[in-house]
Amino acid sequence: MIEWVRKLGAAFGASFLWLVCLIYFTQGFRSFVWTAVSYQLKDRLKLSPSTSQFVFSVAFFPWSIKPLYGIISDCIPIRGRKRVPYLIISTVLSLIPWLILGLNASMRSSKWYLMSLLTVQNFGSAMADVVVDAMIAEAVRFERASFAGDLQSMSWLAMAFGGICGSLSGGYALSNLERDTIFLLFSALPSLQLLSCAMVEESSVGGKDPLDSSNSENFKEVNENSSSMDGDSFLDMKSSTSISRRKKSQKDRKRRVAVPSKLQSVENVDSLASSWFHSLKSAAYSLCRAFGKPIIFRPMAWFFLAHITVPNLSTVMFYYQTEFLNLDASFLGTARVIGWLGLMFGTFAYNRYLKTMKLQRILMWAHIGLTLLGLLDVVLVSRLNLAFGISDRIMVLCGSALSDAVNQFKFMPFLILSGQLCPPGIEGTLFALFMSINNLGSTLGSFMGASLASILNISSGSFDNLLLGIAIQVFCTLIPIAFLFLIPKGATGISA
């Protein structure tokens, strides 16, 4: 393991590898603070399960429009750089909301303010995810293509490790710390990420920004004029006629210099806007061409259908586990750790044994596994487990926690495949498009779950129809198997 990390560090650079691992670790460690958000919605704001799921769905919507961030970062450089400046902006956006929620009690006590700040935070996190994915794609294509799977695996292992740490510490924090303290503690990671951005060097893609040269010329002009005016102030021994003539001469000279400078600035702005337009047009065309490839379009279509055909009842199950089963936050954190450990095991198993397996087969068995794990939830809600002497805690550990690992496990082949097929110039956009389809499908699945809970009148303290809802969810889990024809028959995790 240590030797593997050293090889990656030698191939891509220690600072780059550190930043990638830190960003993905932070993504995983979000379970530390989002568990506190779940309890804030349930205990402090007294929201129903369907309302809480609606809040989460809206808050996570920025993850569904990731192509927008990819197009902007690919086509509109900031001072000649396409990645690090956007990474800094996104980190600031993900940092400020946690500081506000930690310092302002009224903000975190209002459903609408809380939802707005969480949406801004996810906007920053989603943009950072797009940028770092693009940086990985560029590094793999330009430097070490043979390390494509290894670098992607390292990033996911960092996220899994962050998830384990966040889940373990999150339960303890909820039992011993106030919500505001938890929000402030988590803000330390985005702060460290902001400092780490300065460690990564990025070469300029187009030289200096045209606006910069005009600004520097204007600045020089102002300094020269200011110097002239300062000199005039000391010539009080001259005649008033001489002073008036000199001031008039200076005004004429400033007019002659300023007019061409303004025209040049306008021309530079027009040229820059035209350049951005052509870049956006070229990126959109390249993206359409890439999206038209069956190996890209068909898996994306299947992945989207796999989400929207299955209603997500995770928030409802959270309410059931905490209110009806009386499971505490520490245990639920432990259950999440089992899921993250399963993700780490699945990552190693995929890279060692499943790279050459057909995608259709991997995804079919993944959904069969999810169906079987869903039956464990049916047993839990129907209380059949007690008849066999199996505790609720064991059922939760073997059911909900492992389903998270399987959901993550089926995601690995697409990540590697997307990185290998990224066309030059739109790395961020293609990665973002792939991820946004997943996230949009997940968001729509959450809306469907909230709607199902509302239709079945499942609410806090009233779980009579939860068994029916879980049964519907289990049945729907089998539906994506019928659409596996969308996956090319010969496609594997390492070949198109």
Protein backbone atom coordinates (compact mmCIF):
# COMPACT_ATOMS: atom_id res chain seq x y z
CA MET A 1 0.00 0.00 0.00
CA ILE A 2 2.76 2.46 0.96
CA GLU A 3 4.77 1.57 -2.14
CA TRP A 4 1.65 2.09 -4.28
CA VAL A 5 1.18 5.58 -2.83
CA ARG A 6 4.85 6.39 -3.44
CA LYS A 7 4.54 5.40 -7.08
CA LEU A 8 1.51 7.64 -7.54
CA GLY A 9 3.32 10.50 -5.79
CA ALA A 10 6.32 10.08 -8.10
CA ALA A 11 4.08 9.94 -11.17
CA PHE A 12 1.83 12.94 -10.47
CA GLY A 13 3.64 14.97 -7.81
CA ALA A 14 3.17 14.97 -4.05
CA SER A 15 1.31 18.29 -3.87
CA PHE A 16 -1.18 17.26 -6.58
CA LEU A 17 -1.80 13.87 -4.94
CA TRP A 18 -2.23 15.56 -1.53
CA LEU A 19 -4.81 18.00 -2.88
CA VAL A 20 -6.79 15.26 -4.66
CA CYS A 21 -6.80 13.07 -1.55
CA LEU A 22 -7.74 16.02 0.70
CA ILE A 23 -10.71 17.01 -1.48
CA TYR A 24 -12.01 13.45 -1.64
CA PHE A 25 -11.36 12.94 2.07
CA THR A 26 -13.44 16.06 2.75
CA GLN A 27 -16.22 14.71 0.53
CA GLY A 28 -16.30 11.53 2.61
CA PHE A 29 -15.96 13.35 5.93
CA ARG A 30 -19.14 15.30 5.12
CA SER A 31 -21.01 12.50 6.93
CA PHE A 32 -19.66 14.09 10.12
CA VAL A 33 -21.64 17.28 9.58
CA TRP A 34 -24.59 16.05 7.51
CA THR A 35 -25.63 13.68 10.28
CA ALA A 36 -25.91 16.78 12.47
CA VAL A 37 -28.00 18.44 9.76
CA SER A 38 -30.37 15.44 9.74
CA TYR A 39 -30.88 15.71 13.49
CA GLN A 40 -31.26 19.49 13.21
CA LEU A 41 -34.15 19.02 10.77
CA LYS A 42 -35.77 16.27 12.83
CA ASP A 43 -35.27 17.42 16.43
CA ARG A 44 -34.92 21.21 16.32
CA LEU A 45 -37.07 22.13 13.32
CA LYS A 46 -39.56 19.24 13.87
CA LEU A 47 -39.94 18.51 10.16
CA SER A 48 -41.79 15.46 8.83
CA PRO A 49 -39.85 12.74 6.94
CA SER A 50 -41.20 13.86 3.55
CA THR A 51 -40.39 17.52 4.27
CA SER A 52 -36.87 16.64 5.41
CA GLN A 53 -36.33 14.61 2.26
CA PHE A 54 -37.58 17.57 0.22
CA VAL A 55 -35.06 19.87 1.95
CA PHE A 56 -32.24 17.44 1.23
CA SER A 57 -33.33 17.07 -2.41
CA VAL A 58 -33.29 20.84 -2.96
CA ALA A 59 -30.01 21.29 -1.07
CA PHE A 60 -28.28 18.66 -3.20
CA PHE A 61 -29.64 19.98 -6.51
CA PRO A 62 -26.34 21.80 -7.35
CA TRP A 63 -24.81 18.36 -7.86
CA SER A 64 -27.26 17.87 -10.75
CA ILE A 65 -25.98 20.80 -12.84
CA LYS A 66 -22.29 19.96 -12.75
CA PRO A 67 -21.85 20.31 -16.55
CA LEU A 68 -22.35 24.05 -16.05
CA TYR A 69 -19.30 24.22 -13.76
CA GLY A 70 -17.32 22.04 -16.15
CA ILE A 71 -18.10 24.21 -19.18
CA ILE A 72 -17.21 27.40 -17.31
CA SER A 73 -13.91 26.06 -15.97
CA ASP A 74 -12.96 24.53 -19.33
CA CYS A 75 -13.77 27.57 -21.47
CA ILE A 76 -13.30 30.67 -19.29
CA PRO A 77 -9.81 30.79 -17.73
CA ILE A 78 -9.15 33.16 -14.84
CA ARG A 79 -5.80 34.89 -15.39
CA GLY A 80 -4.89 32.16 -17.83
CA ARG A 81 -5.65 29.24 -15.48
CA LYS A 82 -8.63 26.89 -15.70
CA ARG A 83 -8.49 24.84 -12.51
CA VAL A 84 -6.89 26.33 -9.39
CA PRO A 85 -8.83 29.67 -9.41
CA TYR A 86 -12.14 27.82 -9.66
CA LEU A 87 -10.99 25.44 -6.95
CA ILE A 88 -10.36 28.42 -4.68
CA ILE A 89 -13.78 29.94 -5.47
CA SER A 90 -15.58 26.66 -4.84
CA THR A 91 -13.72 26.11 -1.57
CA VAL A 92 -14.74 29.54 -0.31
CA LEU A 93 -18.38 28.81 -1.23
CA SER A 94 -18.27 25.52 0.66
CA LEU A 95 -16.60 27.12 3.70
CA ILE A 96 -18.71 30.23 4.37
CA PRO A 97 -22.12 28.51 4.91
CA TRP A 98 -20.73 26.30 7.70
CA LEU A 99 -19.24 29.35 9.42
CA ILE A 100 -22.59 31.16 9.19
CA LEU A 101 -24.53 28.15 10.51
CA GLY A 102 -22.05 27.77 13.36
CA LEU A 103 -22.14 31.43 14.40
CA ASN A 104 -25.76 32.43 13.69
CA ALA A 105 -28.47 30.59 15.64
CA SER A 106 -31.37 32.19 13.75
CA MET A 107 -30.02 30.98 10.39
CA ARG A 108 -29.81 27.33 11.44
CA SER A 109 -33.22 27.54 13.14
CA SER A 110 -35.06 28.57 9.96
CA LYS A 111 -35.97 25.92 7.41
CA TRP A 112 -35.62 28.28 4.45
CA TYR A 113 -32.36 29.91 5.58
CA LEU A 114 -30.89 26.52 6.40
CA MET A 115 -31.92 25.07 3.04
CA SER A 116 -30.47 28.09 1.20
CA LEU A 117 -27.11 27.89 2.98
CA LEU A 118 -26.90 24.13 2.45
CA THR A 119 -27.60 24.69 -1.25
CA VAL A 120 -24.76 27.23 -1.50
CA GLN A 121 -22.46 24.83 0.34
CA ASN A 122 -23.30 22.03 -2.07
CA PHE A 123 -22.75 24.41 -4.97
CA GLY A 124 -19.18 24.91 -3.78
CA SER A 125 -18.61 21.22 -3.07
CA ALA A 126 -19.98 20.19 -6.47
CA MET A 127 -17.81 22.71 -8.29
CA ALA A 128 -14.71 21.50 -6.41
CA ASP A 129 -15.60 17.94 -7.35
CA VAL A 130 -15.85 18.89 -11.04
CA VAL A 131 -12.53 20.74 -11.00
CA VAL A 132 -10.58 17.98 -9.27
CA ASP A 133 -12.08 15.37 -11.62
CA ALA A 134 -10.89 17.46 -14.56
CA MET A 135 -7.43 17.75 -13.02
CA ILE A 136 -7.32 13.96 -12.65
CA ALA A 137 -8.41 13.47 -16.26
CA GLU A 138 -5.75 15.91 -17.52
CA ALA A 139 -3.03 14.31 -15.41
CA VAL A 140 -3.96 10.83 -16.62
CA ARG A 141 -4.12 11.81 -20.30
CA PHE A 142 -1.01 13.99 -20.45
CA GLU A 143 1.31 12.30 -17.95
CA ARG A 144 0.63 8.71 -16.86
CA ALA A 145 -2.27 7.04 -18.67
CA SER A 146 -1.27 3.66 -17.21
CA PHE A 147 -2.14 4.98 -13.74
CA ALA A 148 -5.76 5.86 -14.64
CA GLY A 149 -7.38 3.19 -12.51
CA ASP A 150 -4.86 3.62 -9.70
CA LEU A 151 -5.41 7.37 -9.36
CA GLN A 152 -9.18 6.98 -9.43
CA SER A 153 -8.94 4.19 -6.86
CA MET A 154 -6.73 6.33 -4.63
CA SER A 155 -9.27 9.17 -4.72
CA TRP A 156 -12.13 6.85 -3.81
CA LEU A 157 -10.12 5.24 -1.04
CA ALA A 158 -9.43 8.71 0.36
CA MET A 159 -13.17 9.42 0.28
CA ALA A 160 -13.92 6.08 1.95
CA PHE A 161 -11.36 6.81 4.68
CA GLY A 162 -12.93 10.25 5.18
CA GLY A 163 -16.35 8.63 5.39
CA ILE A 164 -15.14 6.20 8.06
CA CYS A 165 -13.59 9.00 10.13
CA GLY A 166 -16.63 11.23 9.67
CA SER A 167 -19.12 8.50 10.57
CA LEU A 168 -17.22 7.41 13.68
CA SER A 169 -16.59 10.92 14.97
CA GLY A 170 -20.02 12.22 13.91
CA GLY A 171 -21.92 9.98 16.32
CA TYR A 172 -19.63 10.92 19.19
CA ALA A 173 -19.90 14.62 18.33
CA LEU A 174 -23.71 14.52 18.31
CA SER A 175 -23.70 12.97 21.76
CA ASN A 176 -21.21 15.40 23.29
CA LEU A 177 -21.20 18.63 21.28
CA GLU A 178 -23.69 21.27 20.24
CA ARG A 179 -24.75 21.59 16.60
CA ASP A 180 -23.02 24.95 16.16
CA THR A 181 -19.72 23.49 17.39
CA ILE A 182 -20.01 20.62 14.90
CA PHE A 183 -20.54 23.06 12.02
CA LEU A 184 -17.52 25.13 13.06
CA LEU A 185 -15.30 22.07 13.51
CA PHE A 186 -16.09 20.84 10.01
CA SER A 187 -15.16 24.22 8.53
CA ALA A 188 -11.53 23.41 9.38
CA LEU A 189 -11.32 21.01 6.41
CA PRO A 190 -12.41 23.53 3.72
CA SER A 191 -9.98 26.00 5.33
CA LEU A 192 -7.13 23.50 4.97
CA GLN A 193 -8.24 22.80 1.41
CA LEU A 194 -8.10 26.52 0.66
CA LEU A 195 -4.50 26.71 1.91
CA SER A 196 -3.53 23.59 -0.03
CA CYS A 197 -4.62 25.16 -3.34
CA ALA A 198 -1.52 27.36 -3.16
CA MET A 199 0.70 24.25 -3.24
CA VAL A 200 -0.43 23.16 -6.72
CA GLU A 201 1.15 24.81 -9.73
CA GLU A 202 -0.85 25.28 -12.91
CA SER A 203 0.57 26.53 -16.19
CA SER A 204 -1.16 29.33 -18.05
CA VAL A 205 -3.27 28.30 -21.03
CA GLY A 206 -3.27 31.59 -22.90
CA GLY A 207 -0.83 34.04 -21.46
CA LYS A 208 -1.95 37.22 -19.77
CA ASP A 209 -5.53 38.32 -19.63
CA PRO A 210 -6.00 41.18 -22.11
CA LEU A 211 -7.77 43.16 -19.44
CA ASP A 212 -4.76 42.92 -17.18
CA SER A 213 -2.52 44.78 -19.66
CA SER A 214 -5.03 47.56 -20.09
CA ASN A 215 -5.47 47.85 -16.37
CA SER A 216 -1.72 48.05 -15.86
CA GLU A 217 -1.48 50.74 -18.54
CA ASN A 218 -4.26 52.72 -16.88
CA PHE A 219 -2.58 52.30 -13.52
CA LYS A 220 0.73 53.54 -14.96
CA GLU A 221 -1.05 56.49 -16.57
CA VAL A 222 -2.70 57.45 -13.29
CA ASN A 223 0.63 57.25 -11.47
CA GLU A 224 2.31 59.45 -14.06
CA ASN A 225 -0.49 62.01 -13.89
CA SER A 226 -0.48 61.88 -10.10
CA SER A 227 3.27 62.50 -10.09
CA SER A 228 2.82 65.48 -12.39
CA MET A 229 0.10 66.90 -10.15
CA ASP A 230 2.26 66.42 -7.08
CA GLY A 231 5.02 68.34 -8.80
CA ASP A 232 2.63 71.19 -9.59
CA SER A 233 1.68 71.56 -5.97
CA PHE A 234 5.24 72.59 -5.13
CA LEU A 235 5.44 75.32 -7.78
CA ASP A 236 3.57 77.96 -5.81
CA MET A 237 6.26 80.55 -6.69
CA LYS A 238 5.20 80.47 -10.38
CA SER A 239 2.77 82.92 -11.85
CA SER A 240 -0.93 82.05 -12.05
CA THR A 241 -0.80 82.24 -15.84
CA SER A 242 1.94 79.59 -15.99
CA ILE A 243 0.00 77.29 -13.65
CA SER A 244 -3.19 77.61 -15.66
CA ARG A 245 -1.36 76.87 -18.92
CA ARG A 246 0.33 73.80 -17.42
CA LYS A 247 -2.96 72.40 -16.06
CA LYS A 248 -4.62 72.86 -19.44
CA SER A 249 -1.73 71.07 -21.12
CA GLN A 250 -2.03 68.18 -18.67
CA LYS A 251 -5.77 67.84 -19.29
CA ASP A 252 -5.22 67.73 -23.06
CA ARG A 253 -2.50 65.12 -22.65
CA LYS A 254 -4.72 62.97 -20.40
CA ARG A 255 -7.53 63.18 -22.93
CA ARG A 256 -5.25 62.06 -25.75
CA VAL A 257 -3.90 59.12 -23.72
CA ALA A 258 -7.18 58.08 -22.11
CA VAL A 259 -9.24 57.86 -25.31
CA PRO A 260 -7.01 55.26 -27.03
CA SER A 261 -6.72 53.41 -23.72
CA LYS A 262 -10.50 53.21 -23.38
CA LEU A 263 -10.87 52.09 -26.98
CA GLN A 264 -8.21 49.44 -26.43
CA SER A 265 -9.99 48.25 -23.26
CA VAL A 266 -13.31 47.95 -25.15
CA GLU A 267 -11.61 46.05 -27.94
CA ASN A 268 -9.98 43.72 -25.41
CA VAL A 269 -13.32 43.06 -23.73
CA ASP A 270 -14.95 42.31 -27.10
CA SER A 271 -12.07 40.05 -28.07
CA LEU A 272 -12.27 38.23 -24.73
CA ALA A 273 -16.04 37.78 -24.99
CA SER A 274 -15.67 36.49 -28.54
CA SER A 275 -12.97 34.07 -27.42
CA TRP A 276 -15.18 32.79 -24.60
CA PHE A 277 -18.12 32.36 -26.98
CA HIS A 278 -16.07 30.33 -29.45
CA SER A 279 -14.63 28.24 -26.61
CA LEU A 280 -18.11 27.50 -25.26
CA LYS A 281 -19.35 26.66 -28.75
CA SER A 282 -16.40 24.34 -29.38
CA ALA A 283 -16.84 22.67 -26.00
CA ALA A 284 -20.55 22.13 -26.61
CA TYR A 285 -19.81 20.59 -30.00
CA SER A 286 -17.10 18.31 -28.58
CA LEU A 287 -19.41 17.36 -25.73
CA CYS A 288 -22.22 16.43 -28.13
CA ARG A 289 -19.81 14.31 -30.14
CA ALA A 290 -18.56 12.56 -27.00
CA PHE A 291 -22.08 12.11 -25.67
CA GLY A 292 -23.13 10.59 -28.99
CA LYS A 293 -20.74 7.68 -28.54
CA PRO A 294 -22.69 4.56 -27.51
CA ILE A 295 -20.14 3.65 -24.85
CA ILE A 296 -20.89 7.02 -23.17
CA PHE A 297 -24.55 7.68 -23.93
CA ARG A 298 -25.98 4.23 -23.25
CA PRO A 299 -24.39 3.67 -19.83
CA MET A 300 -25.41 7.20 -18.82
CA ALA A 301 -28.99 6.55 -19.90
CA TRP A 302 -29.05 3.30 -17.94
CA PHE A 303 -27.55 4.91 -14.86
CA PHE A 304 -30.16 7.68 -14.94
CA LEU A 305 -32.99 5.16 -15.28
CA ALA A 306 -31.53 3.08 -12.46
CA HIS A 307 -32.07 6.03 -10.12
CA ILE A 308 -35.42 7.43 -11.21
CA THR A 309 -37.14 4.03 -11.27
CA VAL A 310 -36.31 3.37 -7.58
CA PRO A 311 -37.92 5.67 -4.95
CA ASN A 312 -35.41 6.67 -2.29
CA LEU A 313 -36.75 6.22 1.26
CA SER A 314 -33.47 6.78 3.10
CA THR A 315 -34.71 9.79 5.09
CA VAL A 316 -37.88 7.92 6.06
CA MET A 317 -35.75 5.00 7.27
CA PHE A 318 -33.62 7.43 9.28
CA TYR A 319 -36.74 8.64 11.09
CA TYR A 320 -37.88 5.04 11.63
CA GLN A 321 -34.53 3.95 13.03
CA THR A 322 -34.20 6.90 15.40
CA GLU A 323 -37.83 7.24 16.57
CA PHE A 324 -39.31 3.73 16.40
CA LEU A 325 -36.20 1.59 16.90
CA ASN A 326 -34.58 4.19 19.19
CA LEU A 327 -31.13 3.73 17.65
CA ASP A 328 -28.69 6.41 18.81
CA ALA A 329 -26.41 8.55 16.68
CA SER A 330 -23.26 6.66 17.68
CA PHE A 331 -24.67 3.36 16.41
CA LEU A 332 -25.90 4.88 13.16
CA GLY A 333 -22.41 6.26 12.65
CA THR A 334 -21.03 2.76 13.14
CA ALA A 335 -23.49 1.45 10.55
CA ARG A 336 -22.18 4.00 8.07
CA VAL A 337 -18.63 2.85 8.78
CA ILE A 338 -19.60 -0.66 7.65
CA GLY A 339 -20.77 0.84 4.37
CA TRP A 340 -17.51 2.75 3.87
CA LEU A 341 -15.46 -0.34 4.69
CA GLY A 342 -17.49 -2.21 2.09
CA LEU A 343 -16.67 0.54 -0.41
CA MET A 344 -12.95 0.18 0.28
CA PHE A 345 -13.15 -3.59 -0.08
CA GLY A 346 -15.15 -3.25 -3.30
CA THR A 347 -12.57 -0.82 -4.72
CA PHE A 348 -9.72 -3.26 -4.10
CA ALA A 349 -11.77 -6.22 -5.38
CA TYR A 350 -12.71 -4.37 -8.56
CA ASN A 351 -9.15 -3.38 -9.41
CA ARG A 352 -7.86 -6.87 -8.72
CA TYR A 353 -10.56 -9.14 -10.11
CA LEU A 354 -13.31 -7.29 -11.99
CA LYS A 355 -11.59 -4.95 -14.46
CA THR A 356 -12.22 -7.33 -17.35
CA MET A 357 -15.73 -8.38 -16.33
CA LYS A 358 -18.61 -7.27 -18.55
CA LEU A 359 -20.45 -4.22 -17.28
CA GLN A 360 -23.81 -5.87 -17.85
CA ARG A 361 -22.89 -8.70 -15.51
CA ILE A 362 -21.50 -6.39 -12.82
CA LEU A 363 -24.60 -4.19 -12.83
CA MET A 364 -27.02 -7.11 -12.92
CA TRP A 365 -25.49 -8.72 -9.83
CA ALA A 366 -25.27 -5.33 -8.13
CA HIS A 367 -29.04 -4.83 -8.46
CA ILE A 368 -29.78 -8.38 -7.43
CA GLY A 369 -27.68 -7.72 -4.33
CA LEU A 370 -29.54 -4.47 -3.64
CA THR A 371 -32.85 -6.33 -3.94
CA LEU A 372 -31.74 -8.93 -1.39
CA LEU A 373 -30.54 -6.21 0.96
CA GLY A 374 -33.89 -4.46 0.51
CA LEU A 375 -35.61 -7.63 1.72
CA LEU A 376 -33.66 -7.24 4.96
CA ASP A 377 -35.41 -3.89 5.43
CA VAL A 378 -38.74 -5.64 4.83
CA VAL A 379 -37.88 -8.12 7.58
CA LEU A 380 -36.81 -5.26 9.88
CA VAL A 381 -39.97 -3.18 9.38
CA SER A 382 -42.25 -6.23 9.65
CA ARG A 383 -40.44 -7.17 12.92
CA LEU A 384 -39.87 -10.75 11.71
CA ASN A 385 -36.28 -10.51 12.87
CA LEU A 386 -37.41 -10.54 16.52
CA ALA A 387 -39.20 -13.85 15.97
CA PHE A 388 -35.84 -15.38 15.04
CA GLY A 389 -33.98 -13.68 17.87
CA ILE A 390 -32.07 -11.26 15.61
CA SER A 391 -31.67 -7.78 17.08
CA ASP A 392 -32.57 -4.59 15.23
CA ARG A 393 -28.96 -3.45 15.37
CA ILE A 394 -27.72 -6.51 13.49
CA MET A 395 -30.40 -6.01 10.83
CA VAL A 396 -29.44 -2.37 10.32
CA LEU A 397 -25.76 -3.24 10.07
CA CYS A 398 -26.39 -6.01 7.53
CA GLY A 399 -29.04 -4.11 5.56
CA SER A 400 -28.84 -0.38 5.19
CA ALA A 401 -25.09 -0.13 5.73
CA LEU A 402 -24.15 -2.75 3.13
CA SER A 403 -26.55 -1.33 0.54
CA ASP A 404 -24.48 1.87 0.58
CA ALA A 405 -21.39 -0.16 -0.27
CA VAL A 406 -23.11 -1.93 -3.19
CA ASN A 407 -24.43 1.38 -4.53
CA GLN A 408 -20.91 2.77 -4.53
CA PHE A 409 -19.40 -0.41 -5.88
CA LYS A 410 -21.42 -0.39 -9.11
CA PHE A 411 -20.19 3.16 -9.72
CA MET A 412 -16.47 2.34 -10.16
CA PRO A 413 -16.42 1.09 -13.81
CA PHE A 414 -18.11 4.23 -15.12
CA LEU A 415 -15.65 6.56 -13.40
CA ILE A 416 -12.65 4.83 -14.94
CA LEU A 417 -14.28 4.61 -18.36
CA SER A 418 -15.19 8.30 -18.36
CA GLY A 419 -11.63 9.29 -17.49
CA GLN A 420 -10.25 7.29 -20.41
CA LEU A 421 -12.71 8.68 -22.97
CA CYS A 422 -12.45 12.38 -22.07
CA PRO A 423 -11.87 14.43 -25.25
CA PRO A 424 -9.17 17.14 -24.97
CA GLY A 425 -10.43 20.47 -23.65
CA ILE A 426 -13.68 19.32 -22.03
CA GLU A 427 -12.42 17.06 -19.26
CA GLY A 428 -14.37 18.89 -16.59
CA THR A 429 -17.51 19.02 -18.70
CA LEU A 430 -17.63 15.33 -19.56
CA PHE A 431 -16.89 14.22 -16.01
CA ALA A 432 -19.49 16.70 -14.80
CA LEU A 433 -22.08 15.49 -17.30
CA PHE A 434 -21.61 11.91 -16.20
CA MET A 435 -21.79 12.77 -12.50
CA SER A 436 -24.71 15.16 -12.92
CA ILE A 437 -26.80 12.48 -14.62
CA ASN A 438 -26.16 10.29 -11.61
CA ASN A 439 -26.97 13.11 -9.18
CA LEU A 440 -30.03 14.32 -11.08
CA GLY A 441 -31.35 10.77 -11.13
CA SER A 442 -30.65 10.47 -7.41
CA THR A 443 -32.41 13.79 -6.73
CA LEU A 444 -35.46 12.71 -8.74
CA GLY A 445 -35.40 9.38 -6.89
CA SER A 446 -35.45 11.31 -3.60
CA PHE A 447 -38.42 13.39 -4.79
CA MET A 448 -40.19 10.15 -5.72
CA GLY A 449 -39.42 8.77 -2.27
CA ALA A 450 -40.80 11.91 -0.61
CA SER A 451 -43.91 11.71 -2.78
CA LEU A 452 -44.39 8.02 -1.96
CA ALA A 453 -44.04 8.75 1.76
CA SER A 454 -46.60 11.53 1.46
CA ILE A 455 -49.05 9.34 -0.49
CA LEU A 456 -48.75 6.53 2.07
CA ASN A 457 -49.13 9.04 4.94
CA ILE A 458 -45.80 8.05 6.50
CA SER A 459 -44.87 10.69 9.05
CA SER A 460 -42.93 11.11 12.26
CA GLY A 461 -44.47 8.67 14.76
CA SER A 462 -46.70 7.06 12.12
CA PHE A 463 -44.98 4.23 10.23
CA ASP A 464 -47.96 1.92 9.61
CA ASN A 465 -47.55 2.01 5.82
CA LEU A 466 -43.75 1.93 5.80
CA LEU A 467 -43.74 -1.81 5.07
CA LEU A 468 -45.74 -1.20 1.87
CA GLY A 469 -43.36 1.58 0.88
CA ILE A 470 -40.30 -0.66 1.39
CA ALA A 471 -41.94 -3.45 -0.62
CA ILE A 472 -42.55 -1.03 -3.52
CA GLN A 473 -38.93 0.09 -3.33
CA VAL A 474 -37.65 -3.51 -3.43
CA PHE A 475 -39.77 -4.32 -6.46
CA CYS A 476 -38.60 -1.20 -8.28
CA THR A 477 -34.96 -2.16 -7.64
CA LEU A 478 -35.35 -4.98 -10.18
CA ILE A 479 -36.64 -2.68 -12.95
CA PRO A 480 -33.19 -1.40 -14.11
CA ILE A 481 -32.15 -4.99 -14.92
CA ALA A 482 -34.67 -4.92 -17.78
CA PHE A 483 -32.80 -1.98 -19.35
CA LEU A 484 -29.34 -3.56 -19.31
CA PHE A 485 -29.50 -3.80 -23.09
CA LEU A 486 -28.46 -0.12 -23.03
CA ILE A 487 -25.03 -1.24 -21.84
CA PRO A 488 -22.83 -2.36 -24.78
CA LYS A 489 -22.37 -6.11 -24.56
CA GLY A 490 -18.59 -6.06 -24.92
CA ALA A 491 -17.97 -3.11 -22.62
CA THR A 492 -15.78 -3.67 -19.55
CA GLY A 493 -14.20 -1.38 -17.01
CA ILE A 494 -10.98 -1.03 -19.03
CA SER A 495 -12.11 -1.20 -22.65
CA ALA A 496 -14.55 0.68 -24.81
